[in-house]
């Protein structure tokens, strides 16, 4: 990713929804995955062609080889960008987004995550202070205690492509996301890509029962799927297996430039 100086005015940081500045044709969406230790970074720009619109996106990433999870803040920002645009279109059509804090109706669904997301979630749990860390770990264990007797974990291992039938059985088990607290996401700024991209305009009761008639908002692109396609060395896995996968899998390799990883993901949008 080549260095580039920009006069952009839009600013997107970790966990902050992207903002666009108009009518300036040179308005840039700025995303950062800069290392927290202040290490060297590289900055480059891509132009996303969405319909008839061209959206310049400036990205700051760690210089040198990185693991996939180190560029997740960039993908979080892209997901938020497309979700924000989709929300604006829905509201312009007179449809109100039902999703809001305090509604955890969808937080008992099977949440597919890429291996990099699972590793990032495990690191997030590890960094939590006690006693919160122990409480979250206990919720992960309780979820697996419910799912294992049902054979769902074995079915996932044997048939990772047949997600729909397994997802319905998973939902029927009533397992809440381990990060759900008071019916709200306790890791909202770091939530998985698929959660960021799940927006509905139908009543929450339909999500709570996984009933027909759920009206999902269509995004112009879904970085979650692009990442899954680019990070399938180990296959997708449900969020509840994140801690197990992290404990059993080898350490994440830091063997690729951030620009190369992002190129693979963005080309799949």
C-alpha atoms as a PDB file:
ATOM      1  CA  UNK A   1       0.000   0.000   0.000  1.00  0.00           C
ATOM      2  CA  UNK A   2       1.733   3.138  -1.197  1.00  0.00           C
ATOM      3  CA  UNK A   3       2.087   6.192   1.018  1.00  0.00           C
ATOM      4  CA  UNK A   4      -0.155   9.048  -0.039  1.00  0.00           C
ATOM      5  CA  UNK A   5      -0.899  12.474   1.381  1.00  0.00           C
ATOM      6  CA  UNK A   6      -4.567  13.426   1.448  1.00  0.00           C
ATOM      7  CA  UNK A   7      -6.646  16.509   2.163  1.00  0.00           C
ATOM      8  CA  UNK A   8      -9.595  14.325   3.200  1.00  0.00           C
ATOM      9  CA  UNK A   9     -12.062  15.546   5.800  1.00  0.00           C
ATOM     10  CA  UNK A  10     -13.987  12.388   6.701  1.00  0.00           C
ATOM     11  CA  UNK A  11     -12.595  10.478   9.638  1.00  0.00           C
ATOM     12  CA  UNK A  12     -13.287   6.901  10.733  1.00  0.00           C
ATOM     13  CA  UNK A  13     -11.583   5.321  13.716  1.00  0.00           C
ATOM     14  CA  UNK A  14     -11.909   1.949  15.452  1.00  0.00           C
ATOM     15  CA  UNK A  15     -15.553   1.288  16.221  1.00  0.00           C
ATOM     16  CA  UNK A  16     -16.712   4.665  14.882  1.00  0.00           C
ATOM     17  CA  UNK A  17     -19.259   4.738  12.027  1.00  0.00           C
ATOM     18  CA  UNK A  18     -17.762   6.113   8.802  1.00  0.00           C
ATOM     19  CA  UNK A  19     -18.688   9.630   7.788  1.00  0.00           C
ATOM     20  CA  UNK A  20     -18.818  11.134   4.318  1.00  0.00           C
ATOM     21  CA  UNK A  21     -18.319  14.797   3.507  1.00  0.00           C
ATOM     22  CA  UNK A  22     -20.168  16.292   0.542  1.00  0.00           C
ATOM     23  CA  UNK A  23     -20.340  18.025  -1.824  1.00  0.00           C
ATOM     24  CA  UNK A  24     -16.538  17.987  -2.047  1.00  0.00           C
ATOM     25  CA  UNK A  25     -15.660  15.504  -4.799  1.00  0.00           C
ATOM     26  CA  UNK A  26     -12.429  14.712  -2.981  1.00  0.00           C
ATOM     27  CA  UNK A  27     -14.210  13.649   0.231  1.00  0.00           C
ATOM     28  CA  UNK A  28     -12.435  10.584   1.560  1.00  0.00           C
ATOM     29  CA  UNK A  29     -13.499   7.900   4.002  1.00  0.00           C
ATOM     30  CA  UNK A  30     -10.527   7.357   6.280  1.00  0.00           C
ATOM     31  CA  UNK A  31      -9.982   4.032   8.033  1.00  0.00           C
ATOM     32  CA  UNK A  32      -7.210   3.118  10.430  1.00  0.00           C
ATOM     33  CA  UNK A  33      -5.752  -0.140  11.704  1.00  0.00           C
ATOM     34  CA  UNK A  34      -2.672   1.565  13.106  1.00  0.00           C
ATOM     35  CA  UNK A  35      -0.910  -0.567  15.758  1.00  0.00           C
ATOM     36  CA  UNK A  36      -1.599   0.427  19.341  1.00  0.00           C
ATOM     37  CA  UNK A  37       2.118   0.369  20.163  1.00  0.00           C
ATOM     38  CA  UNK A  38       2.794   3.258  17.808  1.00  0.00           C
ATOM     39  CA  UNK A  39       4.718   1.126  15.331  1.00  0.00           C
ATOM     40  CA  UNK A  40       5.378   2.158  11.716  1.00  0.00           C
ATOM     41  CA  UNK A  41       2.420   2.458   9.390  1.00  0.00           C
ATOM     42  CA  UNK A  42       1.699   2.763   5.684  1.00  0.00           C
ATOM     43  CA  UNK A  43      -1.166   4.701   4.133  1.00  0.00           C
ATOM     44  CA  UNK A  44      -2.792   4.131   0.777  1.00  0.00           C
ATOM     45  CA  UNK A  45      -6.025   4.802  -1.046  1.00  0.00           C
ATOM     46  CA  UNK A  46      -8.516   2.765  -3.024  1.00  0.00           C
ATOM     47  CA  UNK A  47     -11.630   3.871  -4.871  1.00  0.00           C
ATOM     48  CA  UNK A  48     -14.717   1.737  -4.392  1.00  0.00           C
ATOM     49  CA  UNK A  49     -17.126   1.810  -7.306  1.00  0.00           C
ATOM     50  CA  UNK A  50     -20.598   1.406  -5.832  1.00  0.00           C
ATOM     51  CA  UNK A  51     -23.267   1.638  -8.490  1.00  0.00           C
ATOM     52  CA  UNK A  52     -22.517   4.916 -10.267  1.00  0.00           C
ATOM     53  CA  UNK A  53     -20.723   6.363  -7.269  1.00  0.00           C
ATOM     54  CA  UNK A  54     -17.004   6.370  -6.625  1.00  0.00           C
ATOM     55  CA  UNK A  55     -16.019   6.356  -2.963  1.00  0.00           C
ATOM     56  CA  UNK A  56     -12.355   7.090  -2.181  1.00  0.00           C
ATOM     57  CA  UNK A  57     -11.184   5.231   0.914  1.00  0.00           C
ATOM     58  CA  UNK A  58      -7.890   5.990   2.618  1.00  0.00           C
ATOM     59  CA  UNK A  59      -6.461   3.207   4.789  1.00  0.00           C
ATOM     60  CA  UNK A  60      -3.672   3.333   7.358  1.00  0.00           C
ATOM     61  CA  UNK A  61      -2.245  -0.071   8.265  1.00  0.00           C
ATOM     62  CA  UNK A  62       0.800  -1.515  10.029  1.00  0.00           C
ATOM     63  CA  UNK A  63       3.910  -1.608   7.886  1.00  0.00           C
ATOM     64  CA  UNK A  64       5.501  -5.005   7.336  1.00  0.00           C
ATOM     65  CA  UNK A  65       4.006  -8.507   7.609  1.00  0.00           C
ATOM     66  CA  UNK A  66       0.813  -8.820   9.648  1.00  0.00           C
ATOM     67  CA  UNK A  67      -1.807 -11.378  10.624  1.00  0.00           C
ATOM     68  CA  UNK A  68      -5.276 -11.084   9.099  1.00  0.00           C
ATOM     69  CA  UNK A  69      -6.837  -9.991  12.391  1.00  0.00           C
ATOM     70  CA  UNK A  70      -4.587  -6.922  12.484  1.00  0.00           C
ATOM     71  CA  UNK A  71      -6.509  -5.390   9.570  1.00  0.00           C
ATOM     72  CA  UNK A  72      -9.970  -6.149  10.988  1.00  0.00           C
ATOM     73  CA  UNK A  73     -10.514  -2.486  12.021  1.00  0.00           C
ATOM     74  CA  UNK A  74     -10.396  -1.608   8.308  1.00  0.00           C
ATOM     75  CA  UNK A  75     -13.054  -4.211   7.536  1.00  0.00           C
ATOM     76  CA  UNK A  76     -15.139  -3.041  10.497  1.00  0.00           C
ATOM     77  CA  UNK A  77     -15.076   0.426   8.975  1.00  0.00           C
ATOM     78  CA  UNK A  78     -16.090  -0.866   5.539  1.00  0.00           C
ATOM     79  CA  UNK A  79     -18.980  -2.845   7.023  1.00  0.00           C
ATOM     80  CA  UNK A  80     -20.131   0.238   8.908  1.00  0.00           C
ATOM     81  CA  UNK A  81     -19.859   2.283   5.704  1.00  0.00           C
ATOM     82  CA  UNK A  82     -22.145  -0.051   3.762  1.00  0.00           C
ATOM     83  CA  UNK A  83     -24.519  -0.424   6.736  1.00  0.00           C
ATOM     84  CA  UNK A  84     -24.767   3.358   7.093  1.00  0.00           C
ATOM     85  CA  UNK A  85     -25.527   3.744   3.393  1.00  0.00           C
ATOM     86  CA  UNK A  86     -28.135   0.970   3.527  1.00  0.00           C
ATOM     87  CA  UNK A  87     -29.763   2.571   6.576  1.00  0.00           C
ATOM     88  CA  UNK A  88     -29.989   5.913   4.783  1.00  0.00           C
ATOM     89  CA  UNK A  89     -31.644   4.283   1.764  1.00  0.00           C
ATOM     90  CA  UNK A  90     -34.153   2.441   3.948  1.00  0.00           C
ATOM     91  CA  UNK A  91     -35.070   5.605   5.847  1.00  0.00           C
ATOM     92  CA  UNK A  92     -35.420   7.520   2.584  1.00  0.00           C
ATOM     93  CA  UNK A  93     -37.974   4.882   1.564  1.00  0.00           C
ATOM     94  CA  UNK A  94     -39.860   5.387   4.812  1.00  0.00           C
ATOM     95  CA  UNK A  95     -38.609   2.202   6.497  1.00  0.00           C
ATOM     96  CA  UNK A  96     -37.219   2.434  10.012  1.00  0.00           C
ATOM     97  CA  UNK A  97     -34.382   0.198  11.209  1.00  0.00           C
ATOM     98  CA  UNK A  98     -35.652  -1.947  14.092  1.00  0.00           C
ATOM     99  CA  UNK A  99     -32.209  -2.810  15.467  1.00  0.00           C
ATOM    100  CA  UNK A 100     -31.160  -0.796  18.531  1.00  0.00           C
ATOM    101  CA  UNK A 101     -29.531  -1.185  21.923  1.00  0.00           C
ATOM    102  CA  UNK A 102     -31.664  -3.270  24.261  1.00  0.00           C
ATOM    103  CA  UNK A 103     -33.017  -5.507  21.481  1.00  0.00           C
ATOM    104  CA  UNK A 104     -31.080  -8.751  21.509  1.00  0.00           C
ATOM    105  CA  UNK A 105     -33.654 -10.622  19.424  1.00  0.00           C
ATOM    106  CA  UNK A 106     -31.096 -11.714  16.814  1.00  0.00           C
ATOM    107  CA  UNK A 107     -28.355 -12.504  19.347  1.00  0.00           C
ATOM    108  CA  UNK A 108     -29.370 -16.143  19.645  1.00  0.00           C
ATOM    109  CA  UNK A 109     -28.659 -16.954  16.038  1.00  0.00           C
ATOM    110  CA  UNK A 110     -25.617 -18.822  14.797  1.00  0.00           C
ATOM    111  CA  UNK A 111     -23.026 -16.145  14.064  1.00  0.00           C
ATOM    112  CA  UNK A 112     -20.482 -17.278  11.442  1.00  0.00           C
ATOM    113  CA  UNK A 113     -17.030 -15.783  11.864  1.00  0.00           C
ATOM    114  CA  UNK A 114     -13.831 -16.100   9.899  1.00  0.00           C
ATOM    115  CA  UNK A 115     -10.818 -17.653  11.675  1.00  0.00           C
ATOM    116  CA  UNK A 116      -9.225 -14.223  12.018  1.00  0.00           C
ATOM    117  CA  UNK A 117     -12.347 -12.888  13.728  1.00  0.00           C
ATOM    118  CA  UNK A 118     -12.368 -15.833  16.140  1.00  0.00           C
ATOM    119  CA  UNK A 119      -8.757 -15.143  17.090  1.00  0.00           C
ATOM    120  CA  UNK A 120      -9.497 -11.451  17.572  1.00  0.00           C
ATOM    121  CA  UNK A 121     -12.480 -12.250  19.816  1.00  0.00           C
ATOM    122  CA  UNK A 122     -10.352 -14.623  21.891  1.00  0.00           C
ATOM    123  CA  UNK A 123      -7.734 -11.893  22.345  1.00  0.00           C
ATOM    124  CA  UNK A 124     -10.505  -9.483  23.317  1.00  0.00           C
ATOM    125  CA  UNK A 125     -11.721 -11.842  26.047  1.00  0.00           C
ATOM    126  CA  UNK A 126      -8.180 -12.441  27.269  1.00  0.00           C
ATOM    127  CA  UNK A 127      -7.651  -8.690  27.667  1.00  0.00           C
ATOM    128  CA  UNK A 128     -10.799  -8.195  29.765  1.00  0.00           C
ATOM    129  CA  UNK A 129     -10.302  -7.386  33.451  1.00  0.00           C
ATOM    130  CA  UNK A 130     -11.527  -9.775  36.079  1.00  0.00           C
ATOM    131  CA  UNK A 131     -14.193 -10.642  37.055  1.00  0.00           C
ATOM    132  CA  UNK A 132     -15.670  -9.768  33.654  1.00  0.00           C
ATOM    133  CA  UNK A 133     -13.288 -12.104  31.802  1.00  0.00           C
ATOM    134  CA  UNK A 134     -14.351 -15.078  33.939  1.00  0.00           C
ATOM    135  CA  UNK A 135     -18.042 -14.254  33.444  1.00  0.00           C
ATOM    136  CA  UNK A 136     -17.663 -14.165  29.662  1.00  0.00           C
ATOM    137  CA  UNK A 137     -15.632 -17.382  29.619  1.00  0.00           C
ATOM    138  CA  UNK A 138     -18.315 -19.055  31.717  1.00  0.00           C
ATOM    139  CA  UNK A 139     -20.962 -18.021  29.179  1.00  0.00           C
ATOM    140  CA  UNK A 140     -18.922 -19.615  26.388  1.00  0.00           C
ATOM    141  CA  UNK A 141     -18.677 -22.833  28.418  1.00  0.00           C
ATOM    142  CA  UNK A 142     -22.402 -22.804  29.202  1.00  0.00           C
ATOM    143  CA  UNK A 143     -23.236 -22.378  25.512  1.00  0.00           C
ATOM    144  CA  UNK A 144     -21.130 -25.393  24.562  1.00  0.00           C
ATOM    145  CA  UNK A 145     -22.664 -27.435  27.395  1.00  0.00           C
ATOM    146  CA  UNK A 146     -26.062 -26.880  25.766  1.00  0.00           C
ATOM    147  CA  UNK A 147     -24.963 -27.454  22.168  1.00  0.00           C
ATOM    148  CA  UNK A 148     -22.718 -30.501  22.530  1.00  0.00           C
ATOM    149  CA  UNK A 149     -25.435 -32.988  23.645  1.00  0.00           C
ATOM    150  CA  UNK A 150     -27.474 -31.928  20.598  1.00  0.00           C
ATOM    151  CA  UNK A 151     -24.681 -32.963  18.249  1.00  0.00           C
ATOM    152  CA  UNK A 152     -24.541 -29.549  16.614  1.00  0.00           C
ATOM    153  CA  UNK A 153     -20.784 -29.205  17.033  1.00  0.00           C
ATOM    154  CA  UNK A 154     -20.181 -32.494  15.193  1.00  0.00           C
ATOM    155  CA  UNK A 155     -22.552 -31.446  12.418  1.00  0.00           C
ATOM    156  CA  UNK A 156     -20.663 -28.177  12.020  1.00  0.00           C
ATOM    157  CA  UNK A 157     -17.339 -29.993  11.772  1.00  0.00           C
ATOM    158  CA  UNK A 158     -18.685 -32.415   9.190  1.00  0.00           C
ATOM    159  CA  UNK A 159     -20.718 -30.039   7.047  1.00  0.00           C
ATOM    160  CA  UNK A 160     -19.539 -26.463   7.253  1.00  0.00           C
ATOM    161  CA  UNK A 161     -21.254 -25.555   3.990  1.00  0.00           C
ATOM    162  CA  UNK A 162     -24.746 -26.706   5.024  1.00  0.00           C
ATOM    163  CA  UNK A 163     -25.331 -23.826   7.387  1.00  0.00           C
ATOM    164  CA  UNK A 164     -29.048 -23.147   7.004  1.00  0.00           C
ATOM    165  CA  UNK A 165     -30.449 -26.313   8.619  1.00  0.00           C
ATOM    166  CA  UNK A 166     -27.832 -26.220  11.358  1.00  0.00           C
ATOM    167  CA  UNK A 167     -28.562 -22.542  11.976  1.00  0.00           C
ATOM    168  CA  UNK A 168     -32.248 -23.282  12.627  1.00  0.00           C
ATOM    169  CA  UNK A 169     -31.414 -26.070  15.083  1.00  0.00           C
ATOM    170  CA  UNK A 170     -28.882 -23.797  16.756  1.00  0.00           C
ATOM    171  CA  UNK A 171     -31.506 -21.079  17.170  1.00  0.00           C
ATOM    172  CA  UNK A 172     -33.995 -23.591  18.575  1.00  0.00           C
ATOM    173  CA  UNK A 173     -31.498 -24.407  21.344  1.00  0.00           C
ATOM    174  CA  UNK A 174     -31.905 -20.830  22.631  1.00  0.00           C
ATOM    175  CA  UNK A 175     -28.201 -20.178  23.179  1.00  0.00           C
ATOM    176  CA  UNK A 176     -27.499 -16.496  23.723  1.00  0.00           C
ATOM    177  CA  UNK A 177     -24.296 -14.943  22.433  1.00  0.00           C
ATOM    178  CA  UNK A 178     -21.716 -14.993  25.259  1.00  0.00           C
ATOM    179  CA  UNK A 179     -21.233 -11.263  24.752  1.00  0.00           C
ATOM    180  CA  UNK A 180     -24.935 -10.445  25.248  1.00  0.00           C
ATOM    181  CA  UNK A 181     -25.562  -8.491  28.456  1.00  0.00           C
ATOM    182  CA  UNK A 182     -28.936  -6.965  29.347  1.00  0.00           C
ATOM    183  CA  UNK A 183     -30.078  -7.771  25.802  1.00  0.00           C
ATOM    184  CA  UNK A 184     -27.344  -5.558  24.345  1.00  0.00           C
ATOM    185  CA  UNK A 185     -23.981  -6.309  22.753  1.00  0.00           C
ATOM    186  CA  UNK A 186     -21.225  -5.760  25.318  1.00  0.00           C
ATOM    187  CA  UNK A 187     -18.529  -5.624  22.603  1.00  0.00           C
ATOM    188  CA  UNK A 188     -20.412  -3.429  20.165  1.00  0.00           C
ATOM    189  CA  UNK A 189     -17.309  -1.630  18.837  1.00  0.00           C
ATOM    190  CA  UNK A 190     -15.594  -4.996  18.211  1.00  0.00           C
ATOM    191  CA  UNK A 191     -18.584  -7.089  17.132  1.00  0.00           C
ATOM    192  CA  UNK A 192     -18.176  -9.482  14.172  1.00  0.00           C
ATOM    193  CA  UNK A 193     -18.702  -8.311  10.623  1.00  0.00           C
ATOM    194  CA  UNK A 194     -21.843 -10.401  10.124  1.00  0.00           C
ATOM    195  CA  UNK A 195     -23.432  -8.712  13.156  1.00  0.00           C
ATOM    196  CA  UNK A 196     -22.646  -5.270  11.743  1.00  0.00           C
ATOM    197  CA  UNK A 197     -24.331  -6.207   8.489  1.00  0.00           C
ATOM    198  CA  UNK A 198     -27.534  -7.635   9.978  1.00  0.00           C
ATOM    199  CA  UNK A 199     -30.179  -4.901   9.830  1.00  0.00           C
ATOM    200  CA  UNK A 200     -33.942  -5.350   9.669  1.00  0.00           C
ATOM    201  CA  UNK A 201     -36.969  -3.107   9.297  1.00  0.00           C
ATOM    202  CA  UNK A 202     -39.479  -5.708  10.494  1.00  0.00           C
ATOM    203  CA  UNK A 203     -40.752  -6.000  14.092  1.00  0.00           C
ATOM    204  CA  UNK A 204     -38.212  -7.441  16.582  1.00  0.00           C
ATOM    205  CA  UNK A 205     -40.708 -10.182  17.493  1.00  0.00           C
ATOM    206  CA  UNK A 206     -40.068 -11.816  14.137  1.00  0.00           C
ATOM    207  CA  UNK A 207     -36.334 -12.000  14.826  1.00  0.00           C
ATOM    208  CA  UNK A 208     -36.995 -13.307  18.333  1.00  0.00           C
ATOM    209  CA  UNK A 209     -38.925 -16.244  16.869  1.00  0.00           C
ATOM    210  CA  UNK A 210     -36.988 -16.502  13.594  1.00  0.00           C
ATOM    211  CA  UNK A 211     -40.363 -16.247  11.888  1.00  0.00           C
ATOM    212  CA  UNK A 212     -41.110 -15.743   8.202  1.00  0.00           C
ATOM    213  CA  UNK A 213     -41.463 -12.130   7.183  1.00  0.00           C
ATOM    214  CA  UNK A 214     -38.164 -10.812   8.529  1.00  0.00           C
ATOM    215  CA  UNK A 215     -37.284  -7.851   6.296  1.00  0.00           C
ATOM    216  CA  UNK A 216     -33.530  -7.594   6.070  1.00  0.00           C
ATOM    217  CA  UNK A 217     -31.892  -4.479   4.689  1.00  0.00           C
ATOM    218  CA  UNK A 218     -29.805  -5.281   1.629  1.00  0.00           C
ATOM    219  CA  UNK A 219     -26.253  -3.933   1.728  1.00  0.00           C
ATOM    220  CA  UNK A 220     -24.414  -2.991  -1.452  1.00  0.00           C
ATOM    221  CA  UNK A 221     -21.503  -5.166  -0.345  1.00  0.00           C
ATOM    222  CA  UNK A 222     -20.785  -7.447   2.602  1.00  0.00           C
ATOM    223  CA  UNK A 223     -17.180  -7.479   3.851  1.00  0.00           C
ATOM    224  CA  UNK A 224     -18.110 -10.417   6.106  1.00  0.00           C
ATOM    225  CA  UNK A 225     -18.574 -12.703   3.093  1.00  0.00           C
ATOM    226  CA  UNK A 226     -15.501 -11.299   1.368  1.00  0.00           C
ATOM    227  CA  UNK A 227     -13.398 -12.054   4.454  1.00  0.00           C
ATOM    228  CA  UNK A 228     -14.828 -15.560   4.764  1.00  0.00           C
ATOM    229  CA  UNK A 229     -13.873 -16.254   1.165  1.00  0.00           C
ATOM    230  CA  UNK A 230     -10.387 -14.816   1.659  1.00  0.00           C
ATOM    231  CA  UNK A 231      -9.712 -16.477   5.036  1.00  0.00           C
ATOM    232  CA  UNK A 232     -11.001 -19.998   4.504  1.00  0.00           C
ATOM    233  CA  UNK A 233      -7.840 -21.947   5.276  1.00  0.00           C
ATOM    234  CA  UNK A 234      -9.586 -23.349   8.350  1.00  0.00           C
ATOM    235  CA  UNK A 235     -13.206 -22.816   7.302  1.00  0.00           C
ATOM    236  CA  UNK A 236     -15.807 -20.603   8.959  1.00  0.00           C
ATOM    237  CA  UNK A 237     -16.869 -21.366  12.500  1.00  0.00           C
ATOM    238  CA  UNK A 238     -19.608 -20.253  14.901  1.00  0.00           C
ATOM    239  CA  UNK A 239     -18.745 -17.466  17.300  1.00  0.00           C
ATOM    240  CA  UNK A 240     -19.267 -19.740  20.313  1.00  0.00           C
ATOM    241  CA  UNK A 241     -16.254 -21.820  19.253  1.00  0.00           C
ATOM    242  CA  UNK A 242     -13.887 -18.839  19.178  1.00  0.00           C
ATOM    243  CA  UNK A 243     -12.152 -19.633  22.461  1.00  0.00           C
ATOM    244  CA  UNK A 244     -11.897 -23.351  21.643  1.00  0.00           C
ATOM    245  CA  UNK A 245     -10.468 -22.647  18.192  1.00  0.00           C
ATOM    246  CA  UNK A 246      -7.950 -20.193  19.604  1.00  0.00           C
ATOM    247  CA  UNK A 247      -6.760 -22.721  22.196  1.00  0.00           C
ATOM    248  CA  UNK A 248      -6.417 -25.569  19.698  1.00  0.00           C
ATOM    249  CA  UNK A 249      -5.246 -23.863  16.506  1.00  0.00           C
ATOM    250  CA  UNK A 250      -1.638 -22.825  15.864  1.00  0.00           C
ATOM    251  CA  UNK A 251      -0.790 -19.146  16.318  1.00  0.00           C
ATOM    252  CA  UNK A 252      -1.954 -16.857  13.573  1.00  0.00           C
ATOM    253  CA  UNK A 253       0.839 -16.369  11.004  1.00  0.00           C
ATOM    254  CA  UNK A 254       2.131 -12.837  10.484  1.00  0.00           C
ATOM    255  CA  UNK A 255       3.345 -13.508   6.972  1.00  0.00           C
ATOM    256  CA  UNK A 256       1.595 -11.098   4.596  1.00  0.00           C
ATOM    257  CA  UNK A 257       1.552  -7.397   3.935  1.00  0.00           C
ATOM    258  CA  UNK A 258      -1.647  -5.658   5.055  1.00  0.00           C
ATOM    259  CA  UNK A 259      -2.140  -4.290   1.536  1.00  0.00           C
ATOM    260  CA  UNK A 260      -2.132  -7.818   0.071  1.00  0.00           C
ATOM    261  CA  UNK A 261      -4.682  -9.067   2.600  1.00  0.00           C
ATOM    262  CA  UNK A 262      -6.962  -6.096   1.990  1.00  0.00           C
ATOM    263  CA  UNK A 263      -6.612  -6.495  -1.768  1.00  0.00           C
ATOM    264  CA  UNK A 264      -7.872 -10.088  -1.507  1.00  0.00           C
ATOM    265  CA  UNK A 265     -10.823  -9.086   0.662  1.00  0.00           C
ATOM    266  CA  UNK A 266     -11.823  -5.941  -1.231  1.00  0.00           C
ATOM    267  CA  UNK A 267     -11.621  -7.715  -4.583  1.00  0.00           C
ATOM    268  CA  UNK A 268     -14.273 -10.095  -3.239  1.00  0.00           C
ATOM    269  CA  UNK A 269     -16.774  -7.380  -2.353  1.00  0.00           C
END
